[in-house]
Amino acid sequence: MQEAETALLIWRNAEDDVMYQTLDGFDMMLLEIMGSSALSFDTLAQTLVEFMPKADNWKNILLGKWSGWIEQRIIIPSLSAISENMEGNSPSQNHLSA
């Protein structure tokens, strides 16, 4: 029996509990891209557009992941993004780092 490798993401939530989840290849790629530099949702989507299908439904999936990761504190908005968001910019413009 051959063991398969599993990518695992481990983080602490807002209550300082240790959380974990397995990652598929797409999630792992997204987090690696975000880990290399702070970027906005729009920048991330623009980076992916040439690799993704022409239909825009993947952007909704990506936005769901993005929002969920912020809520779970997997990715954290930069201080400038938080202040911009308080001034009325859309959440998709937040610059994040993983």
Protein backbone atom coordinates (compact mmCIF):
# COMPACT_ATOMS: atom_id res chain seq x y z
CA MET A 1 0.00 0.00 0.00
CA GLN A 2 1.40 3.36 -1.05
CA GLU A 3 0.83 6.36 1.18
CA ALA A 4 -0.47 9.50 -0.49
CA GLU A 5 0.83 12.92 0.50
CA THR A 6 -1.69 15.28 1.99
CA ALA A 7 -1.22 19.05 2.15
CA LEU A 8 -2.40 20.36 5.49
CA LEU A 9 -2.99 23.97 6.51
CA ILE A 10 -2.64 24.75 10.22
CA TRP A 11 -3.48 28.12 11.79
CA ARG A 12 -4.83 29.75 14.94
CA ASN A 13 -8.28 31.32 14.87
CA ALA A 14 -9.41 34.51 16.65
CA GLU A 15 -9.96 32.54 19.87
CA ASP A 16 -6.38 31.17 19.62
CA ASP A 17 -7.62 27.64 18.90
CA VAL A 18 -5.43 25.53 16.63
CA MET A 19 -7.33 24.77 13.43
CA TYR A 20 -6.47 22.62 10.44
CA GLN A 21 -7.83 21.56 7.08
CA THR A 22 -6.55 19.57 4.14
CA LEU A 23 -5.79 21.48 0.97
CA ASP A 24 -6.46 20.53 -2.60
CA GLY A 25 -4.02 21.59 -5.30
CA PHE A 26 -5.95 24.76 -6.16
CA ASP A 27 -6.11 25.98 -2.54
CA MET A 28 -2.42 25.24 -2.10
CA MET A 29 -1.55 27.19 -5.25
CA LEU A 30 -3.67 30.18 -4.15
CA LEU A 31 -2.04 30.32 -0.72
CA GLU A 32 1.43 30.02 -2.25
CA ILE A 33 0.67 32.94 -4.60
CA MET A 34 -0.66 35.04 -1.71
CA GLY A 35 2.26 34.05 0.52
CA SER A 36 4.81 35.41 -1.93
CA SER A 37 3.49 38.99 -1.74
CA ALA A 38 0.55 41.00 -0.44
CA LEU A 39 -2.10 41.37 -3.12
CA SER A 40 -5.74 42.23 -3.58
CA PHE A 41 -8.53 39.91 -4.67
CA ASP A 42 -8.68 41.76 -7.99
CA THR A 43 -4.93 41.26 -8.55
CA LEU A 44 -5.20 37.57 -7.69
CA ALA A 45 -8.15 37.13 -10.06
CA GLN A 46 -6.26 38.95 -12.82
CA THR A 47 -3.27 36.66 -12.27
CA LEU A 48 -5.49 33.59 -12.67
CA VAL A 49 -7.66 34.80 -15.57
CA GLU A 50 -5.41 33.39 -18.30
CA PHE A 51 -5.48 29.91 -16.73
CA MET A 52 -9.17 29.73 -15.86
CA PRO A 53 -12.23 28.97 -18.02
CA LYS A 54 -13.87 31.83 -19.90
CA ALA A 55 -17.00 31.62 -17.73
CA ASP A 56 -16.73 33.86 -14.65
CA ASN A 57 -18.20 31.35 -12.15
CA TRP A 58 -14.67 30.55 -10.94
CA LYS A 59 -14.43 34.13 -9.64
CA ASN A 60 -17.42 33.47 -7.36
CA ILE A 61 -15.73 30.32 -6.05
CA LEU A 62 -12.50 32.26 -5.52
CA LEU A 63 -14.35 35.08 -3.73
CA GLY A 64 -15.99 32.49 -1.46
CA LYS A 65 -12.59 31.02 -0.58
CA TRP A 66 -11.15 34.54 -0.08
CA SER A 67 -13.99 35.62 2.24
CA GLY A 68 -13.93 32.34 4.15
CA TRP A 69 -10.17 32.57 4.68
CA ILE A 70 -10.51 36.12 6.02
CA GLU A 71 -13.32 35.03 8.35
CA GLN A 72 -11.25 32.08 9.60
CA ARG A 73 -8.14 34.30 9.91
CA ILE A 74 -6.15 32.19 7.47
CA ILE A 75 -5.36 35.36 5.55
CA ILE A 76 -5.21 38.73 7.25
CA PRO A 77 -5.94 42.10 5.61
CA SER A 78 -3.06 44.56 5.77
CA LEU A 79 -3.51 47.64 7.93
CA SER A 80 -3.81 49.81 4.81
CA ALA A 81 -6.54 47.51 3.45
CA ILE A 82 -8.47 47.71 6.71
CA SER A 83 -8.37 51.52 6.69
CA GLU A 84 -9.31 51.62 2.98
CA ASN A 85 -12.23 49.27 3.67
CA MET A 86 -13.42 51.55 6.47
CA GLU A 87 -13.41 54.38 3.93
CA GLY A 88 -15.84 52.47 1.72
CA ASN A 89 -13.76 50.42 -0.72
CA SER A 90 -15.01 46.98 -1.68
CA PRO A 91 -13.68 43.88 0.14
CA SER A 92 -12.24 42.60 -3.12
CA GLN A 93 -9.75 45.47 -3.03
CA ASN A 94 -8.27 44.42 0.33
CA HIS A 95 -4.58 43.61 0.17
CA LEU A 96 -3.87 40.44 2.05
CA SER A 97 -0.97 38.34 3.10
CA ALA A 98 -1.14 34.64 3.86
